[in-house]
Every structure is written in structure tokens, then in C-alpha cells.
C-alpha atoms as a PDB file:
ATOM      1  CA  UNK A   1       0.196   0.104  -0.118  1.00  0.00           C
ATOM      2  CA  UNK A   2       1.153   3.343  -1.340  1.00  0.00           C
ATOM      3  CA  UNK A   3       1.827   6.924  -0.223  1.00  0.00           C
ATOM      4  CA  UNK A   4       0.059   9.274  -2.633  1.00  0.00           C
ATOM      5  CA  UNK A   5       0.778  13.338  -3.055  1.00  0.00           C
ATOM      6  CA  UNK A   6      -1.916  14.789  -0.790  1.00  0.00           C
ATOM      7  CA  UNK A   7      -4.953  15.368  -2.978  1.00  0.00           C
ATOM      8  CA  UNK A   8      -7.429  17.632  -2.151  1.00  0.00           C
ATOM      9  CA  UNK A   9     -11.066  16.926  -0.934  1.00  0.00           C
ATOM     10  CA  UNK A  10     -12.036  20.772  -1.897  1.00  0.00           C
ATOM     11  CA  UNK A  11     -11.455  19.836  -5.357  1.00  0.00           C
ATOM     12  CA  UNK A  12     -11.597  16.649  -5.497  1.00  0.00           C
ATOM     13  CA  UNK A  13     -14.127  15.654  -8.747  1.00  0.00           C
ATOM     14  CA  UNK A  14     -15.736  12.338  -6.525  1.00  0.00           C
ATOM     15  CA  UNK A  15     -17.418  14.865  -4.198  1.00  0.00           C
ATOM     16  CA  UNK A  16     -20.392  15.222  -5.279  1.00  0.00           C
ATOM     17  CA  UNK A  17     -21.367  11.553  -5.454  1.00  0.00           C
ATOM     18  CA  UNK A  18     -20.562  10.813  -1.787  1.00  0.00           C
ATOM     19  CA  UNK A  19     -21.993  11.603   1.695  1.00  0.00           C
ATOM     20  CA  UNK A  20     -19.807  14.475   1.831  1.00  0.00           C
ATOM     21  CA  UNK A  21     -20.937  16.678  -0.502  1.00  0.00           C
ATOM     22  CA  UNK A  22     -22.596  18.946   1.535  1.00  0.00           C
ATOM     23  CA  UNK A  23     -19.061  19.511   3.682  1.00  0.00           C
ATOM     24  CA  UNK A  24     -18.306  23.204   4.716  1.00  0.00           C
ATOM     25  CA  UNK A  25     -14.912  24.300   3.327  1.00  0.00           C
ATOM     26  CA  UNK A  26     -14.054  24.442   7.304  1.00  0.00           C
ATOM     27  CA  UNK A  27     -14.851  21.075   7.192  1.00  0.00           C
ATOM     28  CA  UNK A  28     -13.102  19.753   4.486  1.00  0.00           C
ATOM     29  CA  UNK A  29     -10.102  21.285   5.036  1.00  0.00           C
ATOM     30  CA  UNK A  30      -9.892  19.515   8.736  1.00  0.00           C
ATOM     31  CA  UNK A  31     -10.146  15.951   6.279  1.00  0.00           C
ATOM     32  CA  UNK A  32      -7.457  17.384   4.117  1.00  0.00           C
ATOM     33  CA  UNK A  33      -5.126  17.769   7.427  1.00  0.00           C
ATOM     34  CA  UNK A  34      -5.686  14.615   8.468  1.00  0.00           C
ATOM     35  CA  UNK A  35      -6.146  11.903   5.869  1.00  0.00           C
ATOM     36  CA  UNK A  36      -4.145   9.829   3.999  1.00  0.00           C
ATOM     37  CA  UNK A  37      -4.612   9.398  -0.063  1.00  0.00           C
ATOM     38  CA  UNK A  38      -2.841   5.520  -0.789  1.00  0.00           C
ATOM     39  CA  UNK A  39      -2.110   4.139  -4.117  1.00  0.00           C
ATOM     40  CA  UNK A  40      -2.855   0.367  -4.046  1.00  0.00           C
ATOM     41  CA  UNK A  41      -2.440  -1.906  -6.330  1.00  0.00           C
ATOM     42  CA  UNK A  42      -4.316  -5.451  -7.643  1.00  0.00           C
ATOM     43  CA  UNK A  43      -4.662  -7.999  -5.072  1.00  0.00           C
ATOM     44  CA  UNK A  44      -3.556  -5.960  -2.110  1.00  0.00           C
ATOM     45  CA  UNK A  45      -5.650  -5.723   0.895  1.00  0.00           C
ATOM     46  CA  UNK A  46      -7.813  -2.365   2.501  1.00  0.00           C
ATOM     47  CA  UNK A  47      -8.095  -4.368   5.697  1.00  0.00           C
ATOM     48  CA  UNK A  48      -8.915  -8.074   6.552  1.00  0.00           C
ATOM     49  CA  UNK A  49     -12.403  -9.603   7.409  1.00  0.00           C
ATOM     50  CA  UNK A  50     -13.028  -9.484  11.336  1.00  0.00           C
ATOM     51  CA  UNK A  51     -10.102  -6.657  11.903  1.00  0.00           C
ATOM     52  CA  UNK A  52     -10.960  -3.063  13.826  1.00  0.00           C
ATOM     53  CA  UNK A  53     -12.582  -0.686  12.233  1.00  0.00           C
ATOM     54  CA  UNK A  54      -9.956   2.235  12.557  1.00  0.00           C
ATOM     55  CA  UNK A  55     -11.748   4.519   9.900  1.00  0.00           C
ATOM     56  CA  UNK A  56     -13.037   4.873   6.502  1.00  0.00           C
ATOM     57  CA  UNK A  57     -12.009   4.571   2.929  1.00  0.00           C
ATOM     58  CA  UNK A  58     -12.993   7.176  -0.639  1.00  0.00           C
ATOM     59  CA  UNK A  59     -12.582   5.282  -3.329  1.00  0.00           C
ATOM     60  CA  UNK A  60     -11.597   8.104  -5.939  1.00  0.00           C
ATOM     61  CA  UNK A  61     -10.263   5.968  -8.818  1.00  0.00           C
ATOM     62  CA  UNK A  62     -10.139   2.246  -9.041  1.00  0.00           C
ATOM     63  CA  UNK A  63     -12.084  -0.832  -8.086  1.00  0.00           C
ATOM     64  CA  UNK A  64     -12.271  -2.355  -4.161  1.00  0.00           C
ATOM     65  CA  UNK A  65     -14.259  -5.833  -3.970  1.00  0.00           C
ATOM     66  CA  UNK A  66     -15.925  -6.692  -0.373  1.00  0.00           C
ATOM     67  CA  UNK A  67     -14.984 -10.877   0.225  1.00  0.00           C
ATOM     68  CA  UNK A  68     -17.106 -13.365   2.912  1.00  0.00           C
ATOM     69  CA  UNK A  69     -14.617 -15.825   3.633  1.00  0.00           C
ATOM     70  CA  UNK A  70     -17.141 -18.123   5.739  1.00  0.00           C
ATOM     71  CA  UNK A  71     -16.083 -20.964   8.089  1.00  0.00           C
ATOM     72  CA  UNK A  72     -14.794 -23.452   5.568  1.00  0.00           C
ATOM     73  CA  UNK A  73     -12.504 -20.924   4.256  1.00  0.00           C
ATOM     74  CA  UNK A  74     -14.776 -20.257   1.003  1.00  0.00           C
ATOM     75  CA  UNK A  75     -14.105 -16.698   0.069  1.00  0.00           C
ATOM     76  CA  UNK A  76     -17.201 -15.063  -2.182  1.00  0.00           C
ATOM     77  CA  UNK A  77     -17.061 -11.776  -3.690  1.00  0.00           C
ATOM     78  CA  UNK A  78     -20.420  -9.727  -2.303  1.00  0.00           C
ATOM     79  CA  UNK A  79     -19.994  -6.067  -3.780  1.00  0.00           C
ATOM     80  CA  UNK A  80     -18.610  -4.492  -6.245  1.00  0.00           C
ATOM     81  CA  UNK A  81     -17.373  -0.158  -4.686  1.00  0.00           C
ATOM     82  CA  UNK A  82     -16.425   2.319  -7.307  1.00  0.00           C
ATOM     83  CA  UNK A  83     -15.335   5.562  -7.235  1.00  0.00           C
ATOM     84  CA  UNK A  84     -17.371   7.562  -5.349  1.00  0.00           C
ATOM     85  CA  UNK A  85     -18.072   5.307  -3.010  1.00  0.00           C
ATOM     86  CA  UNK A  86     -17.265   5.394   0.844  1.00  0.00           C
ATOM     87  CA  UNK A  87     -15.639   1.963   2.387  1.00  0.00           C
ATOM     88  CA  UNK A  88     -16.101   0.659   5.881  1.00  0.00           C
ATOM     89  CA  UNK A  89     -18.912   3.066   7.068  1.00  0.00           C
ATOM     90  CA  UNK A  90     -21.561   0.507   8.001  1.00  0.00           C
ATOM     91  CA  UNK A  91     -18.487  -1.265  10.559  1.00  0.00           C
ATOM     92  CA  UNK A  92     -17.904   2.467  11.658  1.00  0.00           C
ATOM     93  CA  UNK A  93     -21.389   3.288  12.425  1.00  0.00           C
ATOM     94  CA  UNK A  94     -22.426   0.538  14.195  1.00  0.00           C
ATOM     95  CA  UNK A  95     -19.259  -0.277  15.933  1.00  0.00           C
ATOM     96  CA  UNK A  96     -18.397  -3.333  14.698  1.00  0.00           C
ATOM     97  CA  UNK A  97     -15.297  -4.914  13.094  1.00  0.00           C
ATOM     98  CA  UNK A  98     -15.117  -5.173   8.951  1.00  0.00           C
ATOM     99  CA  UNK A  99     -17.480  -7.814   8.328  1.00  0.00           C
ATOM    100  CA  UNK A 100     -15.790  -8.598   4.945  1.00  0.00           C
ATOM    101  CA  UNK A 101     -12.283  -8.208   3.173  1.00  0.00           C
ATOM    102  CA  UNK A 102     -11.647  -5.233   0.650  1.00  0.00           C
ATOM    103  CA  UNK A 103      -9.630  -6.108  -1.980  1.00  0.00           C
ATOM    104  CA  UNK A 104      -8.418  -3.723  -4.607  1.00  0.00           C
ATOM    105  CA  UNK A 105      -9.450  -5.326  -8.490  1.00  0.00           C
ATOM    106  CA  UNK A 106      -8.533  -2.365  -9.807  1.00  0.00           C
ATOM    107  CA  UNK A 107      -5.008   0.017  -9.387  1.00  0.00           C
ATOM    108  CA  UNK A 108      -7.024   2.327  -6.856  1.00  0.00           C
ATOM    109  CA  UNK A 109      -6.099   5.687  -5.260  1.00  0.00           C
ATOM    110  CA  UNK A 110      -8.323   5.615  -2.459  1.00  0.00           C
ATOM    111  CA  UNK A 111      -8.108   8.654   1.031  1.00  0.00           C
ATOM    112  CA  UNK A 112      -8.472   7.019   4.139  1.00  0.00           C
ATOM    113  CA  UNK A 113     -10.017   9.162   7.467  1.00  0.00           C
ATOM    114  CA  UNK A 114      -9.435   7.876  11.195  1.00  0.00           C
ATOM    115  CA  UNK A 115     -12.393   7.412  13.111  1.00  0.00           C
ATOM    116  CA  UNK A 116     -11.570  10.451  15.317  1.00  0.00           C
ATOM    117  CA  UNK A 117     -11.917  12.435  12.334  1.00  0.00           C
ATOM    118  CA  UNK A 118     -15.462  11.351  11.580  1.00  0.00           C
ATOM    119  CA  UNK A 119     -16.730  11.551  14.868  1.00  0.00           C
ATOM    120  CA  UNK A 120     -16.008  15.290  14.435  1.00  0.00           C
ATOM    121  CA  UNK A 121     -17.109  15.516  11.168  1.00  0.00           C
ATOM    122  CA  UNK A 122     -20.701  14.365  12.323  1.00  0.00           C
ATOM    123  CA  UNK A 123     -20.465  16.294  15.458  1.00  0.00           C
ATOM    124  CA  UNK A 124     -20.508  19.398  12.997  1.00  0.00           C
ATOM    125  CA  UNK A 125     -22.501  18.464  10.528  1.00  0.00           C
ATOM    126  CA  UNK A 126     -25.588  16.793  10.842  1.00  0.00           C
ATOM    127  CA  UNK A 127     -26.293  16.376   7.043  1.00  0.00           C
ATOM    128  CA  UNK A 128     -23.644  14.436   6.777  1.00  0.00           C
ATOM    129  CA  UNK A 129     -24.927  11.651   9.490  1.00  0.00           C
ATOM    130  CA  UNK A 130     -28.740  12.055   7.091  1.00  0.00           C
ATOM    131  CA  UNK A 131     -26.260  11.022   4.213  1.00  0.00           C
ATOM    132  CA  UNK A 132     -25.054   8.101   5.827  1.00  0.00           C
ATOM    133  CA  UNK A 133     -28.007   6.888   6.805  1.00  0.00           C
ATOM    134  CA  UNK A 134     -29.677   7.365   3.221  1.00  0.00           C
ATOM    135  CA  UNK A 135     -26.994   5.927   1.707  1.00  0.00           C
ATOM    136  CA  UNK A 136     -27.374   2.662   4.594  1.00  0.00           C
ATOM    137  CA  UNK A 137     -31.321   2.314   3.357  1.00  0.00           C
ATOM    138  CA  UNK A 138     -30.289   2.233  -0.988  1.00  0.00           C
ATOM    139  CA  UNK A 139     -27.297  -0.348  -0.071  1.00  0.00           C
ATOM    140  CA  UNK A 140     -30.174  -2.329   2.058  1.00  0.00           C
ATOM    141  CA  UNK A 141     -32.551  -2.137  -0.289  1.00  0.00           C
ATOM    142  CA  UNK A 142     -29.898  -3.605  -3.186  1.00  0.00           C
ATOM    143  CA  UNK A 143     -29.907  -6.141  -1.140  1.00  0.00           C
ATOM    144  CA  UNK A 144     -33.250  -7.075  -1.117  1.00  0.00           C
ATOM    145  CA  UNK A 145     -34.114  -6.530  -4.723  1.00  0.00           C
ATOM    146  CA  UNK A 146     -30.851  -8.616  -5.314  1.00  0.00           C
ATOM    147  CA  UNK A 147     -32.435 -11.246  -3.190  1.00  0.00           C
ATOM    148  CA  UNK A 148     -35.625 -11.224  -5.025  1.00  0.00           C
ATOM    149  CA  UNK A 149     -33.916 -11.646  -8.341  1.00  0.00           C
ATOM    150  CA  UNK A 150     -32.309 -14.706  -7.307  1.00  0.00           C
ATOM    151  CA  UNK A 151     -35.867 -16.064  -6.363  1.00  0.00           C
ATOM    152  CA  UNK A 152     -37.803 -14.493  -8.997  1.00  0.00           C
ATOM    153  CA  UNK A 153     -35.817 -14.777 -11.889  1.00  0.00           C
ATOM    154  CA  UNK A 154     -34.140 -16.596 -14.073  1.00  0.00           C
ATOM    155  CA  UNK A 155     -29.775 -17.110 -14.175  1.00  0.00           C
ATOM    156  CA  UNK A 156     -29.478 -15.653 -17.611  1.00  0.00           C
ATOM    157  CA  UNK A 157     -31.835 -12.932 -17.014  1.00  0.00           C
ATOM    158  CA  UNK A 158     -29.614 -12.280 -13.785  1.00  0.00           C
ATOM    159  CA  UNK A 159     -26.465 -12.741 -15.976  1.00  0.00           C
ATOM    160  CA  UNK A 160     -27.133 -10.551 -18.446  1.00  0.00           C
ATOM    161  CA  UNK A 161     -28.533  -7.933 -16.068  1.00  0.00           C
ATOM    162  CA  UNK A 162     -25.306  -8.043 -14.557  1.00  0.00           C
ATOM    163  CA  UNK A 163     -23.377  -7.687 -17.620  1.00  0.00           C
ATOM    164  CA  UNK A 164     -25.591  -4.988 -18.383  1.00  0.00           C
ATOM    165  CA  UNK A 165     -24.875  -3.003 -14.896  1.00  0.00           C
ATOM    166  CA  UNK A 166     -20.968  -3.187 -15.648  1.00  0.00           C
ATOM    167  CA  UNK A 167     -21.461  -2.285 -18.929  1.00  0.00           C
ATOM    168  CA  UNK A 168     -22.849   0.992 -18.390  1.00  0.00           C
ATOM    169  CA  UNK A 169     -19.599   1.694 -15.722  1.00  0.00           C
ATOM    170  CA  UNK A 170     -17.008  -0.266 -18.001  1.00  0.00           C
ATOM    171  CA  UNK A 171     -17.901   0.028 -21.345  1.00  0.00           C
ATOM    172  CA  UNK A 172     -17.673   1.587 -24.783  1.00  0.00           C
ATOM    173  CA  UNK A 173     -19.019   1.554 -28.348  1.00  0.00           C
ATOM    174  CA  UNK A 174     -16.287   1.277 -31.207  1.00  0.00           C
ATOM    175  CA  UNK A 175     -17.305   1.022 -35.334  1.00  0.00           C
ATOM    176  CA  UNK A 176     -15.280  -2.201 -35.778  1.00  0.00           C
ATOM    177  CA  UNK A 177     -15.967  -3.477 -32.408  1.00  0.00           C
ATOM    178  CA  UNK A 178     -19.704  -2.762 -31.198  1.00  0.00           C
ATOM    179  CA  UNK A 179     -20.152  -2.506 -27.480  1.00  0.00           C
ATOM    180  CA  UNK A 180     -17.942  -4.090 -25.459  1.00  0.00           C
ATOM    181  CA  UNK A 181     -16.052  -4.002 -21.831  1.00  0.00           C
ATOM    182  CA  UNK A 182     -13.194  -5.848 -19.618  1.00  0.00           C
ATOM    183  CA  UNK A 183     -14.918  -8.056 -17.238  1.00  0.00           C
ATOM    184  CA  UNK A 184     -13.498  -6.146 -14.253  1.00  0.00           C
ATOM    185  CA  UNK A 185     -13.774  -9.587 -11.850  1.00  0.00           C
ATOM    186  CA  UNK A 186     -13.257 -13.369 -11.965  1.00  0.00           C
ATOM    187  CA  UNK A 187     -15.916 -15.665 -13.864  1.00  0.00           C
ATOM    188  CA  UNK A 188     -15.838 -17.419 -10.048  1.00  0.00           C
ATOM    189  CA  UNK A 189     -17.135 -13.833  -9.098  1.00  0.00           C
ATOM    190  CA  UNK A 190     -18.778 -13.245 -10.842  1.00  0.00           C
ATOM    191  CA  UNK A 191     -20.863 -16.100 -10.462  1.00  0.00           C
ATOM    192  CA  UNK A 192     -20.876 -15.327  -6.615  1.00  0.00           C
ATOM    193  CA  UNK A 193     -22.209 -11.831  -7.646  1.00  0.00           C
ATOM    194  CA  UNK A 194     -24.801 -12.888  -9.568  1.00  0.00           C
ATOM    195  CA  UNK A 195     -25.694 -16.396  -6.945  1.00  0.00           C
ATOM    196  CA  UNK A 196     -24.362 -19.002  -9.347  1.00  0.00           C
ATOM    197  CA  UNK A 197     -21.454 -21.759  -9.093  1.00  0.00           C
ATOM    198  CA  UNK A 198     -18.582 -22.037 -11.586  1.00  0.00           C
ATOM    199  CA  UNK A 199     -20.037 -24.980 -13.487  1.00  0.00           C
ATOM    200  CA  UNK A 200     -23.568 -22.993 -13.951  1.00  0.00           C
ATOM    201  CA  UNK A 201     -21.366 -19.637 -14.876  1.00  0.00           C
ATOM    202  CA  UNK A 202     -19.894 -21.961 -17.570  1.00  0.00           C
ATOM    203  CA  UNK A 203     -22.852 -23.362 -18.951  1.00  0.00           C
ATOM    204  CA  UNK A 204     -24.896 -20.244 -19.209  1.00  0.00           C
ATOM    205  CA  UNK A 205     -21.688 -18.106 -21.115  1.00  0.00           C
ATOM    206  CA  UNK A 206     -22.171 -21.044 -23.980  1.00  0.00           C
ATOM    207  CA  UNK A 207     -25.907 -20.931 -23.994  1.00  0.00           C
ATOM    208  CA  UNK A 208     -25.453 -16.950 -24.214  1.00  0.00           C
ATOM    209  CA  UNK A 209     -22.887 -17.244 -26.611  1.00  0.00           C
ATOM    210  CA  UNK A 210     -24.923 -19.724 -28.879  1.00  0.00           C
ATOM    211  CA  UNK A 211     -28.141 -17.342 -29.179  1.00  0.00           C
ATOM    212  CA  UNK A 212     -25.281 -14.914 -29.994  1.00  0.00           C
ATOM    213  CA  UNK A 213     -26.532 -12.187 -27.196  1.00  0.00           C
ATOM    214  CA  UNK A 214     -22.972 -11.910 -26.116  1.00  0.00           C
ATOM    215  CA  UNK A 215     -19.184 -12.886 -27.041  1.00  0.00           C
ATOM    216  CA  UNK A 216     -16.441 -13.714 -24.332  1.00  0.00           C
ATOM    217  CA  UNK A 217     -12.913 -13.506 -25.498  1.00  0.00           C
ATOM    218  CA  UNK A 218     -11.257 -13.912 -22.264  1.00  0.00           C
ATOM    219  CA  UNK A 219     -12.112 -11.597 -20.194  1.00  0.00           C
ATOM    220  CA  UNK A 220     -13.849  -9.145 -23.159  1.00  0.00           C
ATOM    221  CA  UNK A 221     -17.122  -9.022 -23.240  1.00  0.00           C
ATOM    222  CA  UNK A 222     -18.839  -8.158 -26.888  1.00  0.00           C
ATOM    223  CA  UNK A 223     -22.710  -7.173 -26.831  1.00  0.00           C
ATOM    224  CA  UNK A 224     -24.006  -7.441 -30.589  1.00  0.00           C
ATOM    225  CA  UNK A 225     -26.881  -5.727 -29.518  1.00  0.00           C
ATOM    226  CA  UNK A 226     -28.172  -4.214 -26.590  1.00  0.00           C
ATOM    227  CA  UNK A 227     -31.923  -3.703 -27.702  1.00  0.00           C
ATOM    228  CA  UNK A 228     -31.974  -7.518 -27.894  1.00  0.00           C
ATOM    229  CA  UNK A 229     -30.635  -8.369 -24.483  1.00  0.00           C
ATOM    230  CA  UNK A 230     -32.509  -5.448 -22.937  1.00  0.00           C
ATOM    231  CA  UNK A 231     -35.406  -7.329 -23.309  1.00  0.00           C
ATOM    232  CA  UNK A 232     -33.870 -10.641 -22.214  1.00  0.00           C
ATOM    233  CA  UNK A 233     -33.826  -9.245 -19.057  1.00  0.00           C
ATOM    234  CA  UNK A 234     -37.552  -7.292 -18.931  1.00  0.00           C
END
């Protein structure tokens, strides 16, 4: 985990995406004085499952995955954290140890804010606490919706839905390549996000390629026709 040149919260382009967007200049200056900027490479950890929560992390660039390890030592990817996400806030608010491990999936620039500073900010800005409350409710709603999808939709629809979410985040269009994106996680992790085992992932990919809905070339995903895929999801 490498230190990075100090960046300013006041001019950060990601701040408007975060819970920190309502902070006034004095509060932002407080964060600037105490936060630590870090650059992390793929495979590095912000923290391990069960570590005491010492603060929270703001993701400025990159991608961080949260993993849960069960009692048998099996690791499953349970959440992706994109730029503008605050990681570890639930454990901070509930005063518990970290529930998952946080692993860097793509090179990241993160800012660490220690818990004493976060407490000062919450005391100075009630709006910050409200933002975190709304974020917690949104996360709970997303979890509920994902559980409903697992119970009520087909593997095919869930798979395509997840691919479309990733395309919206990472995809691009080219006149020769069409709609394409680089899969940001392994196929095993993709299965964990969808709620299916790796064997089912392989069968589903073969089926979707036979139907010409998507095409995989290693980690590169090609989508010939977005409208056709949307029709399969709804």
C-alpha cells in the first residue's frame, strides 16, 4: 500500500458523488489535514474480515471488491465499490469489526479518514449523518432487490442484468468492435455476485454465445445488440 501525493477534498471531482458533498469548507479542510491518500495495486487489501474498524475509505479511482469468507474458508465476492463510494462506513457507524475483507481489483486511489476525524465531522455536520443513513437504506434496498431477483428471475436474466450493469460502468462502443467492456472480476467472482456456482457460469456463457446475445474473448465481453439483451432481461 503506497502513499500518494496529497489531494484536496475541496477540489476532488468525486466529492459530489459521496456523502461528503454537503460539508462546508472548514470541515473539508479538517479532512484534508488528517486524511491519508494511498495508491493500491490489484490484490492488495484495505483490511481483512474481522479487523477492528479504524476508520473509513473514500474510493477516488479504481475498483474494490468486498469478500466474505465462510467458516470453511471459502471466499465469495459480495460487493463492488466504484469511485465515489465510501467503504467501511457501516462498521464505523455500528462500532463493529469489518464484516468483509476489502480487496483491490483494479489499481486504486483511496483516501483513509480515521474514526476520530469522522466523529468530529458527524458532530459538526448533521447532514453528513443523514447522508450515511440514506446510503445505508439504499444498500439494504439493493440487497433486498438482489435477493428477490435470485428467487424470481432466471439465471440467464440475472447474468445478463449483471453484464449490462458492468457495461454501463466500464463499457464503450466502437465502429468495429461494437459494444464491449473488460470484465472487472473473475468468472468465479461473477458467479458469486449473481448467486450461481462456477459450473453454471460456464454453461450459461455457452448458452448465451450460442444465442448470439454476448461473446466472451478471455475477459473481454462483446454485446452485439443492446436492445435484444434488454428484451431478455425484462
